[in-house]
Amino acid sequence: MAAFRRFPYGGTDNLSEKGDLSLLAERLAAAAKKRYSCRSYKDQPLECLNELEAFAEDGYEILGSFSDVRFCILRDPEASRSIMKGPWGPLPSLLLMAVRTDRPHFLEALGYAGQQVILEATALGIQTCWVSGMFSLDKATKHFPGLEKHWNVVAVSPLGYASANAKTGAKQKLFKFLSAQRGRRHGLDVIMHPTELASLPPVLVNALQAAAQAPSALNQQPWRFAIRGTELTISSKHPAPKPDHPSRLDLGIAMLEFAAAARALGEDGFWQPRQTEGNPIAAFIREP
């Protein structure tokens, strides 16, 4: 099995490792269908932050053997607002996401783990928005305790309750306009060759549809899936993405969405990162 941290839900400590992963997958897959990128929040303190902190500490699955990911929830609205760039308005709390950047696959690992925390927030009724560039790295690092050499805050996310006009306000309309300039969301026949797509069992097609809906920078969907021998692989659409290429963060998010959907539908498997620097990034290993 893929290495993972114990999923704290289910009401028992006697669940098997596979049982834990199934419960985690069902919860995250359900949350993924409800989540959207929210840019307007109520000026209101959050409930359930203790539960989210517990999950961010020890409730998520890691990618492969990569455990060098850390999360910190900043509860100070003023400090949260000072870290963000742009007209965000009230920000009750902020999720800071740090990773050891001298390790291979560090961006994929952060996307994979971070999306689980994001979806757990959704399951708890908290709205979020991935932000990987428009924030102050110095201020975020200042508020993240105990970061050693090679550790960096790579992404953040507001945590809050959506304002009444969160889906119709000016900020959301501007984001949709900017995303539209990069192209509409791709169909499955773009992210995977139609012939290979037709050969997949229905459960993996459904998982691929879930991955296609995963968030990415300006909705660029930089992932591509393919069949190589007996394996289903994921690659960046960029020919030779270096370990710090931004698309790798998006691929980690898509891998999580795929794995959660597949497991929720009864398909056991896990992503195995590739040792080579470029594409493919990882292969989904199906278990009997």
C-alpha atoms as a PDB file:
ATOM      1  CA  MET A   1       0.000   0.000   0.000  1.00  0.00           C
ATOM      2  CA  ALA A   2       0.998   3.628  -0.387  1.00  0.00           C
ATOM      3  CA  ALA A   3       2.363   5.183   2.776  1.00  0.00           C
ATOM      4  CA  PHE A   4      -0.212   7.306   4.554  1.00  0.00           C
ATOM      5  CA  ARG A   5      -1.153   8.880   7.843  1.00  0.00           C
ATOM      6  CA  ARG A   6      -4.064   7.477   9.837  1.00  0.00           C
ATOM      7  CA  PHE A   7      -7.420   8.844   8.846  1.00  0.00           C
ATOM      8  CA  PRO A   8      -9.079   9.975  12.108  1.00  0.00           C
ATOM      9  CA  TYR A   9     -12.733   9.503  11.072  1.00  0.00           C
ATOM     10  CA  GLY A  10     -14.857   6.376  11.293  1.00  0.00           C
ATOM     11  CA  GLY A  11     -15.244   6.148  15.074  1.00  0.00           C
ATOM     12  CA  THR A  12     -12.736   3.341  15.617  1.00  0.00           C
ATOM     13  CA  ASP A  13      -8.987   2.801  15.758  1.00  0.00           C
ATOM     14  CA  ASN A  14      -9.325  -0.777  14.517  1.00  0.00           C
ATOM     15  CA  LEU A  15      -9.813  -0.010  10.860  1.00  0.00           C
ATOM     16  CA  SER A  16      -7.397  -1.632   8.450  1.00  0.00           C
ATOM     17  CA  GLU A  17      -5.093   0.561   6.404  1.00  0.00           C
ATOM     18  CA  LYS A  18      -7.172  -0.071   3.292  1.00  0.00           C
ATOM     19  CA  GLY A  19     -10.358   0.626   5.226  1.00  0.00           C
ATOM     20  CA  ASP A  20      -8.976   3.948   6.410  1.00  0.00           C
ATOM     21  CA  LEU A  21      -8.108   4.928   2.851  1.00  0.00           C
ATOM     22  CA  SER A  22     -11.583   4.009   1.650  1.00  0.00           C
ATOM     23  CA  LEU A  23     -13.232   6.183   4.296  1.00  0.00           C
ATOM     24  CA  LEU A  24     -10.875   9.033   3.485  1.00  0.00           C
ATOM     25  CA  ALA A  25     -11.558   8.657  -0.242  1.00  0.00           C
ATOM     26  CA  GLU A  26     -15.333   8.707   0.171  1.00  0.00           C
ATOM     27  CA  ARG A  27     -15.233  11.845   2.302  1.00  0.00           C
ATOM     28  CA  LEU A  28     -12.844  13.691  -0.019  1.00  0.00           C
ATOM     29  CA  ALA A  29     -14.580  12.621  -3.230  1.00  0.00           C
ATOM     30  CA  ALA A  30     -17.903  13.907  -1.877  1.00  0.00           C
ATOM     31  CA  ALA A  31     -16.297  17.202  -0.832  1.00  0.00           C
ATOM     32  CA  ALA A  32     -14.662  17.626  -4.262  1.00  0.00           C
ATOM     33  CA  LYS A  33     -18.102  17.770  -5.892  1.00  0.00           C
ATOM     34  CA  LYS A  34     -19.092  20.704  -3.660  1.00  0.00           C
ATOM     35  CA  ARG A  35     -15.875  22.707  -3.526  1.00  0.00           C
ATOM     36  CA  TYR A  36     -15.247  25.852  -5.562  1.00  0.00           C
ATOM     37  CA  SER A  37     -12.563  28.562  -5.408  1.00  0.00           C
ATOM     38  CA  CYS A  38     -14.028  31.241  -3.142  1.00  0.00           C
ATOM     39  CA  ARG A  39     -12.697  34.811  -3.195  1.00  0.00           C
ATOM     40  CA  SER A  40     -15.140  36.632  -0.913  1.00  0.00           C
ATOM     41  CA  TYR A  41     -15.579  35.739   2.754  1.00  0.00           C
ATOM     42  CA  LYS A  42     -17.672  36.781   5.714  1.00  0.00           C
ATOM     43  CA  ASP A  43     -15.971  38.647   8.517  1.00  0.00           C
ATOM     44  CA  GLN A  44     -16.875  35.841  10.902  1.00  0.00           C
ATOM     45  CA  PRO A  45     -14.807  33.532  13.155  1.00  0.00           C
ATOM     46  CA  LEU A  46     -14.659  29.910  12.071  1.00  0.00           C
ATOM     47  CA  GLU A  47     -15.869  26.836  13.866  1.00  0.00           C
ATOM     48  CA  CYS A  48     -14.202  23.432  13.358  1.00  0.00           C
ATOM     49  CA  LEU A  49     -10.664  24.837  13.034  1.00  0.00           C
ATOM     50  CA  ASN A  50      -9.472  22.430  15.738  1.00  0.00           C
ATOM     51  CA  GLU A  51     -10.778  19.516  13.660  1.00  0.00           C
ATOM     52  CA  LEU A  52      -9.099  20.871  10.544  1.00  0.00           C
ATOM     53  CA  GLU A  53      -5.826  21.367  12.418  1.00  0.00           C
ATOM     54  CA  ALA A  54      -5.949  17.758  13.602  1.00  0.00           C
ATOM     55  CA  PHE A  55      -6.435  16.563  10.030  1.00  0.00           C
ATOM     56  CA  ALA A  56      -3.613  18.808   8.780  1.00  0.00           C
ATOM     57  CA  GLU A  57      -1.345  17.399  11.465  1.00  0.00           C
ATOM     58  CA  ASP A  58      -1.977  13.689  11.079  1.00  0.00           C
ATOM     59  CA  GLY A  59      -5.018  12.846   8.970  1.00  0.00           C
ATOM     60  CA  TYR A  60      -3.938  12.890   5.350  1.00  0.00           C
ATOM     61  CA  GLU A  61      -2.275  10.405   3.012  1.00  0.00           C
ATOM     62  CA  ILE A  62       1.212  11.242   1.795  1.00  0.00           C
ATOM     63  CA  LEU A  63       2.362  10.756  -1.790  1.00  0.00           C
ATOM     64  CA  GLY A  64       4.630   7.722  -2.007  1.00  0.00           C
ATOM     65  CA  SER A  65       7.192   8.060   0.784  1.00  0.00           C
ATOM     66  CA  PHE A  66       7.221  11.851   0.750  1.00  0.00           C
ATOM     67  CA  SER A  67       6.395  13.077   4.248  1.00  0.00           C
ATOM     68  CA  ASP A  68       8.190  16.449   4.167  1.00  0.00           C
ATOM     69  CA  VAL A  69       5.012  18.531   4.003  1.00  0.00           C
ATOM     70  CA  ARG A  70       3.702  20.760   6.781  1.00  0.00           C
ATOM     71  CA  PHE A  71       0.599  22.870   7.350  1.00  0.00           C
ATOM     72  CA  CYS A  72      -0.099  25.783   9.663  1.00  0.00           C
ATOM     73  CA  ILE A  73      -3.451  27.497  10.249  1.00  0.00           C
ATOM     74  CA  LEU A  74      -3.104  31.194  10.985  1.00  0.00           C
ATOM     75  CA  ARG A  75      -6.092  32.344  13.038  1.00  0.00           C
ATOM     76  CA  ASP A  76      -5.263  36.060  13.122  1.00  0.00           C
ATOM     77  CA  PRO A  77      -7.436  37.896  10.540  1.00  0.00           C
ATOM     78  CA  GLU A  78      -5.117  40.921  10.411  1.00  0.00           C
ATOM     79  CA  ALA A  79      -2.020  38.780   9.859  1.00  0.00           C
ATOM     80  CA  SER A  80      -3.864  36.674   7.292  1.00  0.00           C
ATOM     81  CA  ARG A  81      -4.866  39.760   5.335  1.00  0.00           C
ATOM     82  CA  SER A  82      -1.320  41.180   5.450  1.00  0.00           C
ATOM     83  CA  ILE A  83       0.088  38.056   3.794  1.00  0.00           C
ATOM     84  CA  MET A  84      -2.259  38.167   0.824  1.00  0.00           C
ATOM     85  CA  LYS A  85      -1.792  40.433  -2.184  1.00  0.00           C
ATOM     86  CA  GLY A  86      -4.775  41.926  -3.946  1.00  0.00           C
ATOM     87  CA  PRO A  87      -8.288  43.030  -2.885  1.00  0.00           C
ATOM     88  CA  TRP A  88      -9.337  40.040  -0.808  1.00  0.00           C
ATOM     89  CA  GLY A  89     -11.347  41.784   1.867  1.00  0.00           C
ATOM     90  CA  PRO A  90     -11.987  39.961   5.185  1.00  0.00           C
ATOM     91  CA  LEU A  91      -9.925  36.804   5.725  1.00  0.00           C
ATOM     92  CA  PRO A  92     -10.815  35.076   9.018  1.00  0.00           C
ATOM     93  CA  SER A  93      -8.002  32.503   8.775  1.00  0.00           C
ATOM     94  CA  LEU A  94      -5.268  31.369   6.427  1.00  0.00           C
ATOM     95  CA  LEU A  95      -3.853  27.919   5.665  1.00  0.00           C
ATOM     96  CA  LEU A  96      -0.073  28.036   5.119  1.00  0.00           C
ATOM     97  CA  MET A  97       1.441  25.121   3.173  1.00  0.00           C
ATOM     98  CA  ALA A  98       5.166  24.409   3.444  1.00  0.00           C
ATOM     99  CA  VAL A  99       7.354  21.735   1.889  1.00  0.00           C
ATOM    100  CA  ARG A 100      11.013  20.757   1.825  1.00  0.00           C
ATOM    101  CA  THR A 101      12.055  21.981  -1.601  1.00  0.00           C
ATOM    102  CA  ASP A 102      15.320  20.020  -1.937  1.00  0.00           C
ATOM    103  CA  ARG A 103      13.426  16.748  -2.311  1.00  0.00           C
ATOM    104  CA  PRO A 104      12.254  15.263  -5.625  1.00  0.00           C
ATOM    105  CA  HIS A 105       8.539  15.581  -6.419  1.00  0.00           C
ATOM    106  CA  PHE A 106       8.097  18.193  -3.688  1.00  0.00           C
ATOM    107  CA  LEU A 107       5.454  20.163  -5.588  1.00  0.00           C
ATOM    108  CA  GLU A 108       3.393  17.093  -6.472  1.00  0.00           C
ATOM    109  CA  ALA A 109       3.601  15.965  -2.836  1.00  0.00           C
ATOM    110  CA  LEU A 110       2.373  19.345  -1.608  1.00  0.00           C
ATOM    111  CA  GLY A 111      -0.485  19.411  -4.115  1.00  0.00           C
ATOM    112  CA  TYR A 112      -1.496  15.861  -3.175  1.00  0.00           C
ATOM    113  CA  ALA A 113      -1.477  16.477   0.582  1.00  0.00           C
ATOM    114  CA  GLY A 114      -2.685  20.068   0.396  1.00  0.00           C
ATOM    115  CA  GLN A 115      -5.768  19.185  -1.642  1.00  0.00           C
ATOM    116  CA  GLN A 116      -6.765  16.718   1.059  1.00  0.00           C
ATOM    117  CA  VAL A 117      -6.643  19.481   3.668  1.00  0.00           C
ATOM    118  CA  ILE A 118      -8.556  21.783   1.313  1.00  0.00           C
ATOM    119  CA  LEU A 119     -11.267  19.139   0.764  1.00  0.00           C
ATOM    120  CA  GLU A 120     -11.446  18.345   4.471  1.00  0.00           C
ATOM    121  CA  ALA A 121     -12.104  22.054   5.027  1.00  0.00           C
ATOM    122  CA  THR A 122     -14.920  21.805   2.471  1.00  0.00           C
ATOM    123  CA  ALA A 123     -16.372  18.804   4.319  1.00  0.00           C
ATOM    124  CA  LEU A 124     -16.350  20.923   7.500  1.00  0.00           C
ATOM    125  CA  GLY A 125     -18.239  23.750   5.769  1.00  0.00           C
ATOM    126  CA  ILE A 126     -15.224  26.013   5.244  1.00  0.00           C
ATOM    127  CA  GLN A 127     -14.499  27.634   1.853  1.00  0.00           C
ATOM    128  CA  THR A 128     -11.020  27.878   0.350  1.00  0.00           C
ATOM    129  CA  CYS A 129      -8.960  29.068  -2.616  1.00  0.00           C
ATOM    130  CA  TRP A 130      -5.539  27.808  -3.721  1.00  0.00           C
ATOM    131  CA  VAL A 131      -3.012  30.675  -4.018  1.00  0.00           C
ATOM    132  CA  SER A 132       0.542  29.876  -5.103  1.00  0.00           C
ATOM    133  CA  GLY A 133       1.928  33.231  -6.192  1.00  0.00           C
ATOM    134  CA  MET A 134       0.018  36.265  -4.980  1.00  0.00           C
ATOM    135  CA  PHE A 135       1.132  36.299  -1.359  1.00  0.00           C
ATOM    136  CA  SER A 136       4.069  37.610   0.675  1.00  0.00           C
ATOM    137  CA  LEU A 137       6.562  34.795   1.161  1.00  0.00           C
ATOM    138  CA  ASP A 138       8.461  36.716   3.850  1.00  0.00           C
ATOM    139  CA  LYS A 139       5.340  37.361   5.924  1.00  0.00           C
ATOM    140  CA  ALA A 140       4.050  33.820   5.464  1.00  0.00           C
ATOM    141  CA  THR A 141       7.408  32.399   6.581  1.00  0.00           C
ATOM    142  CA  LYS A 142       7.409  34.706   9.603  1.00  0.00           C
ATOM    143  CA  HIS A 143       4.083  33.266  10.754  1.00  0.00           C
ATOM    144  CA  PHE A 144       5.032  29.625  10.100  1.00  0.00           C
ATOM    145  CA  PRO A 145       6.863  28.317  13.187  1.00  0.00           C
ATOM    146  CA  GLY A 146       9.955  26.159  13.056  1.00  0.00           C
ATOM    147  CA  LEU A 147      10.811  26.055   9.352  1.00  0.00           C
ATOM    148  CA  GLU A 148      14.359  24.795   8.865  1.00  0.00           C
ATOM    149  CA  LYS A 149      16.737  25.131   5.917  1.00  0.00           C
ATOM    150  CA  HIS A 150      15.234  24.010   2.577  1.00  0.00           C
ATOM    151  CA  TRP A 151      11.689  24.417   3.891  1.00  0.00           C
ATOM    152  CA  ASN A 152       9.545  27.001   2.101  1.00  0.00           C
ATOM    153  CA  VAL A 153       5.931  28.156   2.135  1.00  0.00           C
ATOM    154  CA  VAL A 154       4.864  27.388  -1.435  1.00  0.00           C
ATOM    155  CA  ALA A 155       1.100  27.950  -1.301  1.00  0.00           C
ATOM    156  CA  VAL A 156      -1.614  29.368   0.938  1.00  0.00           C
ATOM    157  CA  SER A 157      -5.387  29.306   1.074  1.00  0.00           C
ATOM    158  CA  PRO A 158      -7.908  31.573   2.777  1.00  0.00           C
ATOM    159  CA  LEU A 159     -10.229  29.768   5.173  1.00  0.00           C
ATOM    160  CA  GLY A 160     -13.659  31.256   5.764  1.00  0.00           C
ATOM    161  CA  TYR A 161     -17.392  31.180   5.233  1.00  0.00           C
ATOM    162  CA  ALA A 162     -18.467  32.381   1.799  1.00  0.00           C
ATOM    163  CA  SER A 163     -20.029  35.826   1.612  1.00  0.00           C
ATOM    164  CA  ALA A 164     -23.553  36.157   0.219  1.00  0.00           C
ATOM    165  CA  ASN A 165     -22.248  37.183  -3.225  1.00  0.00           C
ATOM    166  CA  ALA A 166     -19.227  34.860  -3.301  1.00  0.00           C
ATOM    167  CA  LYS A 167     -20.314  33.214  -6.569  1.00  0.00           C
ATOM    168  CA  THR A 168     -21.655  36.341  -8.278  1.00  0.00           C
ATOM    169  CA  GLY A 169     -19.460  39.193  -7.021  1.00  0.00           C
ATOM    170  CA  ALA A 170     -16.928  41.214  -9.005  1.00  0.00           C
ATOM    171  CA  LYS A 171     -13.923  39.181  -7.813  1.00  0.00           C
ATOM    172  CA  GLN A 172     -15.457  35.907  -8.981  1.00  0.00           C
ATOM    173  CA  LYS A 173     -16.485  37.407 -12.327  1.00  0.00           C
ATOM    174  CA  LEU A 174     -12.967  38.745 -12.884  1.00  0.00           C
ATOM    175  CA  PHE A 175     -11.430  35.371 -12.115  1.00  0.00           C
ATOM    176  CA  LYS A 176     -13.806  33.598 -14.485  1.00  0.00           C
ATOM    177  CA  PHE A 177     -12.955  36.136 -17.187  1.00  0.00           C
ATOM    178  CA  LEU A 178      -9.202  35.630 -16.729  1.00  0.00           C
ATOM    179  CA  SER A 179      -9.622  31.846 -16.714  1.00  0.00           C
ATOM    180  CA  ALA A 180     -11.689  32.017 -19.899  1.00  0.00           C
ATOM    181  CA  GLN A 181      -8.829  33.820 -21.634  1.00  0.00           C
ATOM    182  CA  ARG A 182      -6.682  30.726 -21.063  1.00  0.00           C
ATOM    183  CA  GLY A 183      -9.309  28.482 -22.662  1.00  0.00           C
ATOM    184  CA  ARG A 184     -12.326  26.500 -21.598  1.00  0.00           C
ATOM    185  CA  ARG A 185     -12.018  23.407 -19.455  1.00  0.00           C
ATOM    186  CA  HIS A 186     -10.740  20.494 -21.528  1.00  0.00           C
ATOM    187  CA  GLY A 187     -12.751  17.395 -22.329  1.00  0.00           C
ATOM    188  CA  LEU A 188     -11.365  13.950 -21.567  1.00  0.00           C
ATOM    189  CA  ASP A 189     -10.352  13.510 -25.202  1.00  0.00           C
ATOM    190  CA  VAL A 190      -7.822  16.334 -24.735  1.00  0.00           C
ATOM    191  CA  ILE A 191      -6.210  15.142 -21.521  1.00  0.00           C
ATOM    192  CA  MET A 192      -6.027  11.544 -22.804  1.00  0.00           C
ATOM    193  CA  HIS A 193      -5.882  10.069 -26.309  1.00  0.00           C
ATOM    194  CA  PRO A 194      -9.390   8.912 -27.319  1.00  0.00           C
ATOM    195  CA  THR A 195      -8.204   5.398 -28.235  1.00  0.00           C
ATOM    196  CA  GLU A 196      -6.583   4.920 -24.837  1.00  0.00           C
ATOM    197  CA  LEU A 197      -9.551   6.511 -23.100  1.00  0.00           C
ATOM    198  CA  ALA A 198     -11.878   3.974 -24.738  1.00  0.00           C
ATOM    199  CA  SER A 199      -9.812   1.113 -23.311  1.00  0.00           C
ATOM    200  CA  LEU A 200     -10.230   2.206 -19.675  1.00  0.00           C
ATOM    201  CA  PRO A 201     -12.738   0.482 -17.380  1.00  0.00           C
ATOM    202  CA  PRO A 202     -15.685   2.722 -16.374  1.00  0.00           C
ATOM    203  CA  VAL A 203     -14.376   3.275 -12.830  1.00  0.00           C
ATOM    204  CA  LEU A 204     -11.155   4.823 -14.146  1.00  0.00           C
ATOM    205  CA  VAL A 205     -13.055   6.941 -16.663  1.00  0.00           C
ATOM    206  CA  ASN A 206     -15.077   8.305 -13.746  1.00  0.00           C
ATOM    207  CA  ALA A 207     -11.853   8.945 -11.822  1.00  0.00           C
ATOM    208  CA  LEU A 208     -10.437  10.722 -14.870  1.00  0.00           C
ATOM    209  CA  GLN A 209     -13.523  12.939 -15.000  1.00  0.00           C
ATOM    210  CA  ALA A 210     -12.930  13.849 -11.360  1.00  0.00           C
ATOM    211  CA  ALA A 211      -9.298  14.707 -12.095  1.00  0.00           C
ATOM    212  CA  ALA A 212     -10.388  16.862 -15.033  1.00  0.00           C
ATOM    213  CA  GLN A 213     -12.406  19.010 -12.610  1.00  0.00           C
ATOM    214  CA  ALA A 214      -9.468  19.572 -10.252  1.00  0.00           C
ATOM    215  CA  PRO A 215      -8.385  23.177  -9.650  1.00  0.00           C
ATOM    216  CA  SER A 216      -5.304  24.497 -11.438  1.00  0.00           C
ATOM    217  CA  ALA A 217      -3.628  27.864 -11.962  1.00  0.00           C
ATOM    218  CA  LEU A 218      -5.977  29.952 -14.137  1.00  0.00           C
ATOM    219  CA  ASN A 219      -7.769  26.723 -15.038  1.00  0.00           C
ATOM    220  CA  GLN A 220      -4.971  25.663 -17.408  1.00  0.00           C
ATOM    221  CA  GLN A 221      -5.315  21.918 -16.632  1.00  0.00           C
ATOM    222  CA  PRO A 222      -1.654  21.130 -17.346  1.00  0.00           C
ATOM    223  CA  TRP A 223      -2.062  17.365 -16.866  1.00  0.00           C
ATOM    224  CA  ARG A 224      -2.089  14.657 -19.504  1.00  0.00           C
ATOM    225  CA  PHE A 225      -2.883  10.970 -18.931  1.00  0.00           C
ATOM    226  CA  ALA A 226      -1.640   8.016 -20.980  1.00  0.00           C
ATOM    227  CA  ILE A 227      -1.348   4.229 -20.920  1.00  0.00           C
ATOM    228  CA  ARG A 228       2.217   2.940 -20.899  1.00  0.00           C
ATOM    229  CA  GLY A 229       2.288  -0.824 -20.903  1.00  0.00           C
ATOM    230  CA  THR A 230      -0.001  -1.872 -18.075  1.00  0.00           C
ATOM    231  CA  GLU A 231       0.204   1.465 -16.251  1.00  0.00           C
ATOM    232  CA  LEU A 232      -1.865   4.632 -16.330  1.00  0.00           C
ATOM    233  CA  THR A 233       0.509   7.594 -16.142  1.00  0.00           C
ATOM    234  CA  ILE A 234       0.166  11.318 -15.585  1.00  0.00           C
ATOM    235  CA  SER A 235       2.437  13.882 -17.243  1.00  0.00           C
ATOM    236  CA  SER A 236       2.720  17.630 -17.446  1.00  0.00           C
ATOM    237  CA  LYS A 237       1.711  19.140 -20.784  1.00  0.00           C
ATOM    238  CA  HIS A 238       5.084  20.875 -20.648  1.00  0.00           C
ATOM    239  CA  PRO A 239       7.694  18.639 -22.336  1.00  0.00           C
ATOM    240  CA  ALA A 240      10.414  18.645 -19.666  1.00  0.00           C
ATOM    241  CA  PRO A 241       9.110  20.078 -16.391  1.00  0.00           C
ATOM    242  CA  LYS A 242      11.874  20.690 -13.855  1.00  0.00           C
ATOM    243  CA  PRO A 243      11.218  19.712 -10.215  1.00  0.00           C
ATOM    244  CA  ASP A 244      10.185  23.297  -9.425  1.00  0.00           C
ATOM    245  CA  HIS A 245       7.927  23.755 -12.458  1.00  0.00           C
ATOM    246  CA  PRO A 246       4.587  25.215 -11.252  1.00  0.00           C
ATOM    247  CA  SER A 247       2.547  22.655 -13.217  1.00  0.00           C
ATOM    248  CA  ARG A 248       3.745  19.948 -10.845  1.00  0.00           C
ATOM    249  CA  LEU A 249       1.686  21.437  -8.005  1.00  0.00           C
ATOM    250  CA  ASP A 250      -1.436  21.213 -10.186  1.00  0.00           C
ATOM    251  CA  LEU A 251      -0.601  17.622 -11.123  1.00  0.00           C
ATOM    252  CA  GLY A 252      -0.405  16.669  -7.449  1.00  0.00           C
ATOM    253  CA  ILE A 253      -3.888  18.103  -6.932  1.00  0.00           C
ATOM    254  CA  ALA A 254      -5.233  16.190  -9.957  1.00  0.00           C
ATOM    255  CA  MET A 255      -3.619  12.952  -8.731  1.00  0.00           C
ATOM    256  CA  LEU A 256      -5.415  13.311  -5.428  1.00  0.00           C
ATOM    257  CA  GLU A 257      -8.775  13.931  -7.100  1.00  0.00           C
ATOM    258  CA  PHE A 258      -8.239  10.872  -9.326  1.00  0.00           C
ATOM    259  CA  ALA A 259      -7.203   8.588  -6.454  1.00  0.00           C
ATOM    260  CA  ALA A 260     -10.061   9.703  -4.193  1.00  0.00           C
ATOM    261  CA  ALA A 261     -12.665   9.140  -6.913  1.00  0.00           C
ATOM    262  CA  ALA A 262     -11.229   5.749  -7.901  1.00  0.00           C
ATOM    263  CA  ARG A 263     -11.074   4.464  -4.323  1.00  0.00           C
ATOM    264  CA  ALA A 264     -14.551   5.781  -3.527  1.00  0.00           C
ATOM    265  CA  LEU A 265     -15.791   3.660  -6.440  1.00  0.00           C
ATOM    266  CA  GLY A 266     -13.982   0.554  -5.178  1.00  0.00           C
ATOM    267  CA  GLU A 267     -10.779   0.687  -7.250  1.00  0.00           C
ATOM    268  CA  ASP A 268      -7.775   0.124  -4.977  1.00  0.00           C
ATOM    269  CA  GLY A 269      -4.592   1.768  -6.138  1.00  0.00           C
ATOM    270  CA  PHE A 270      -2.037   4.472  -5.461  1.00  0.00           C
ATOM    271  CA  TRP A 271       0.218   6.910  -7.322  1.00  0.00           C
ATOM    272  CA  GLN A 272       3.898   5.999  -7.566  1.00  0.00           C
ATOM    273  CA  PRO A 273       6.162   8.955  -8.481  1.00  0.00           C
ATOM    274  CA  ARG A 274       8.689   8.282 -11.231  1.00  0.00           C
ATOM    275  CA  GLN A 275      12.405   8.468 -10.511  1.00  0.00           C
ATOM    276  CA  THR A 276      13.212  10.411 -13.673  1.00  0.00           C
ATOM    277  CA  GLU A 277      13.158  14.212 -13.569  1.00  0.00           C
ATOM    278  CA  GLY A 278      10.768  14.807 -16.475  1.00  0.00           C
ATOM    279  CA  ASN A 279       7.602  13.147 -17.788  1.00  0.00           C
ATOM    280  CA  PRO A 280       5.782  10.979 -16.917  1.00  0.00           C
ATOM    281  CA  ILE A 281       5.459  12.352 -13.398  1.00  0.00           C
ATOM    282  CA  ALA A 282       3.812   9.300 -11.788  1.00  0.00           C
ATOM    283  CA  ALA A 283       1.967   6.049 -12.513  1.00  0.00           C
ATOM    284  CA  PHE A 284      -1.255   4.824 -10.905  1.00  0.00           C
ATOM    285  CA  ILE A 285      -0.621   1.327  -9.590  1.00  0.00           C
ATOM    286  CA  ARG A 286      -3.834  -0.709  -9.471  1.00  0.00           C
ATOM    287  CA  GLU A 287      -4.043  -3.319  -6.738  1.00  0.00           C
ATOM    288  CA  PRO A 288      -5.761  -6.689  -7.107  1.00  0.00           C
END
